[in-house]
Protein backbone atom coordinates (compact mmCIF):
# COMPACT_ATOMS: atom_id res chain seq x y z
CA UNK A 1 126.96 139.95 13.17
CA UNK A 2 129.37 139.33 16.22
CA UNK A 3 128.17 138.75 19.58
CA UNK A 4 130.04 137.75 22.89
CA UNK A 5 127.95 136.20 26.05
CA UNK A 6 129.27 133.85 29.01
CA UNK A 7 130.01 130.11 27.85
CA UNK A 8 127.13 128.79 30.35
CA UNK A 9 124.73 131.05 28.71
CA UNK A 10 122.25 129.01 26.88
CA UNK A 11 122.69 128.38 22.99
CA UNK A 12 120.41 130.25 20.84
CA UNK A 13 119.61 129.78 17.22
CA UNK A 14 121.15 133.26 16.11
CA UNK A 15 124.35 132.71 17.98
CA UNK A 16 126.02 131.05 14.75
CA UNK A 17 129.75 129.93 15.39
CA UNK A 18 130.08 129.98 18.75
CA UNK A 19 133.75 130.61 19.80
CA UNK A 20 135.28 129.66 23.30
CA UNK A 21 137.98 132.10 23.84
CA UNK A 22 139.04 131.02 26.86
CA UNK A 23 142.69 129.64 28.14
CA UNK A 24 141.02 126.43 29.87
CA UNK A 25 137.78 125.17 30.82
CA UNK A 26 138.64 124.56 34.34
CA UNK A 27 137.59 125.34 37.44
CA UNK A 28 139.60 128.69 39.39
CA UNK A 29 142.05 125.67 40.58
CA UNK A 30 143.42 125.61 36.87
CA UNK A 31 142.80 121.83 37.01
CA UNK A 32 139.62 120.53 37.81
CA UNK A 33 137.51 120.42 34.84
CA UNK A 34 134.58 122.58 34.56
CA UNK A 35 131.58 120.48 34.96
CA UNK A 36 129.27 122.60 33.10
CA UNK A 37 131.62 123.12 30.24
CA UNK A 38 131.55 120.65 27.70
CA UNK A 39 132.01 120.35 23.63
CA UNK A 40 128.33 121.12 23.51
CA UNK A 41 128.82 124.44 24.85
CA UNK A 42 130.94 125.54 21.64
CA UNK A 43 131.89 124.93 18.13
CA UNK A 44 135.19 126.06 17.93
CA UNK A 45 138.26 126.91 21.02
CA UNK A 46 140.70 129.48 19.85
CA UNK A 47 143.10 129.49 22.85
CA UNK A 48 145.22 131.94 20.67
CA UNK A 49 142.65 134.58 21.37
CA UNK A 50 142.47 133.90 25.36
CA UNK A 51 144.93 136.25 27.61
CA UNK A 52 147.88 134.38 27.94
CA UNK A 53 147.96 132.61 31.18
CA UNK A 54 150.19 134.99 33.20
CA UNK A 55 148.13 138.06 32.55
CA UNK A 56 145.08 136.23 33.93
CA UNK A 57 146.91 134.82 37.03
CA UNK A 58 147.82 138.65 37.53
CA UNK A 59 144.44 139.85 37.14
CA UNK A 60 142.43 137.32 39.14
CA UNK A 61 145.14 137.58 42.26
CA UNK A 62 144.39 141.50 41.93
CA UNK A 63 147.98 141.95 41.13
CA UNK A 64 146.76 144.09 38.19
CA UNK A 65 144.08 146.48 37.82
CA UNK A 66 141.38 146.03 34.83
CA UNK A 67 142.97 148.96 33.02
CA UNK A 68 146.64 147.70 33.05
CA UNK A 69 145.07 144.10 32.05
CA UNK A 70 142.78 145.75 29.18
CA UNK A 71 145.95 147.52 27.84
CA UNK A 72 148.30 144.25 27.78
CA UNK A 73 145.63 141.86 26.54
CA UNK A 74 144.96 144.49 23.73
CA UNK A 75 148.69 144.63 22.93
CA UNK A 76 148.84 140.74 22.90
CA UNK A 77 146.02 140.43 20.35
CA UNK A 78 147.24 143.33 18.14
CA UNK A 79 150.39 141.04 16.86
CA UNK A 80 151.41 138.35 15.41
CA UNK A 81 148.58 135.17 14.85
CA UNK A 82 146.53 136.76 17.46
CA UNK A 83 146.14 140.07 15.11
CA UNK A 84 145.54 137.48 12.00
CA UNK A 85 142.90 135.62 13.82
CA UNK A 86 141.14 138.68 15.04
CA UNK A 87 141.55 140.61 11.64
CA UNK A 88 140.06 137.29 10.05
CA UNK A 89 137.18 136.87 12.64
CA UNK A 90 135.91 140.59 12.04
CA UNK A 91 135.74 139.73 8.42
CA UNK A 92 133.89 136.46 8.87
CA UNK A 93 131.63 138.03 11.43
CA UNK A 94 130.22 140.84 8.57
CA UNK A 95 128.86 137.75 6.57
CA UNK A 96 128.38 134.93 9.49
CA UNK A 97 127.00 135.05 13.01
CA UNK A 98 129.85 134.53 15.26
CA UNK A 99 129.71 134.71 19.32
CA UNK A 100 132.52 134.76 21.55
CA UNK A 101 132.52 133.06 24.92
CA UNK A 102 133.83 133.37 28.04
CA UNK A 103 133.19 132.21 31.63
CA UNK A 104 132.47 135.84 32.85
CA UNK A 105 128.74 136.42 33.66
CA UNK A 106 129.24 140.53 32.40
CA UNK A 107 131.10 141.90 29.54
CA UNK A 108 132.23 145.02 31.64
CA UNK A 109 135.58 143.83 32.81
CA UNK A 110 135.94 140.26 30.42
CA UNK A 111 138.39 140.24 27.68
CA UNK A 112 135.78 138.99 25.34
CA UNK A 113 134.11 142.37 24.83
CA UNK A 114 137.86 143.84 24.23
CA UNK A 115 138.28 141.32 21.43
CA UNK A 116 134.86 142.23 19.97
CA UNK A 117 135.73 145.90 20.06
CA UNK A 118 139.09 145.29 18.67
CA UNK A 119 137.29 143.01 15.81
CA UNK A 120 135.31 146.13 14.93
CA UNK A 121 138.17 148.69 14.70
CA UNK A 122 139.37 146.41 11.91
CA UNK A 123 135.77 146.26 10.56
CA UNK A 124 134.16 149.54 11.51
CA UNK A 125 130.24 148.57 10.09
CA UNK A 126 130.58 145.32 11.93
CA UNK A 127 127.17 144.87 14.06
CA UNK A 128 128.02 144.11 17.99
CA UNK A 129 125.87 142.50 20.45
CA UNK A 130 127.99 142.19 23.66
CA UNK A 131 126.32 140.62 26.31
């Protein structure tokens, strides 16, 4: 089972391996550590699956609509080391509970949902729970 949720959501026993897919664990200034995010929020931090910093910046500065952000993020995770990591996690999720974590409250406009859906593209029988 592959799940997604906010990194600030409480830990649940069925989360399995909680993986942060954020580029940084800071406040919006990009420097100050986020006071609610500590090592206890996640088990593994895979920054390679976070959107590139410039892409995140363009989206949050509203220079890039969601649709374009999503397209560019998918291009990014469909190549090189990121692609290999996605494929590996998709396969592992068939046998183990894995939860992708990001700061957004809702998955609607969050890359964690795109990442989970990309995993399902590689493993169509994969069960998803996108929160």
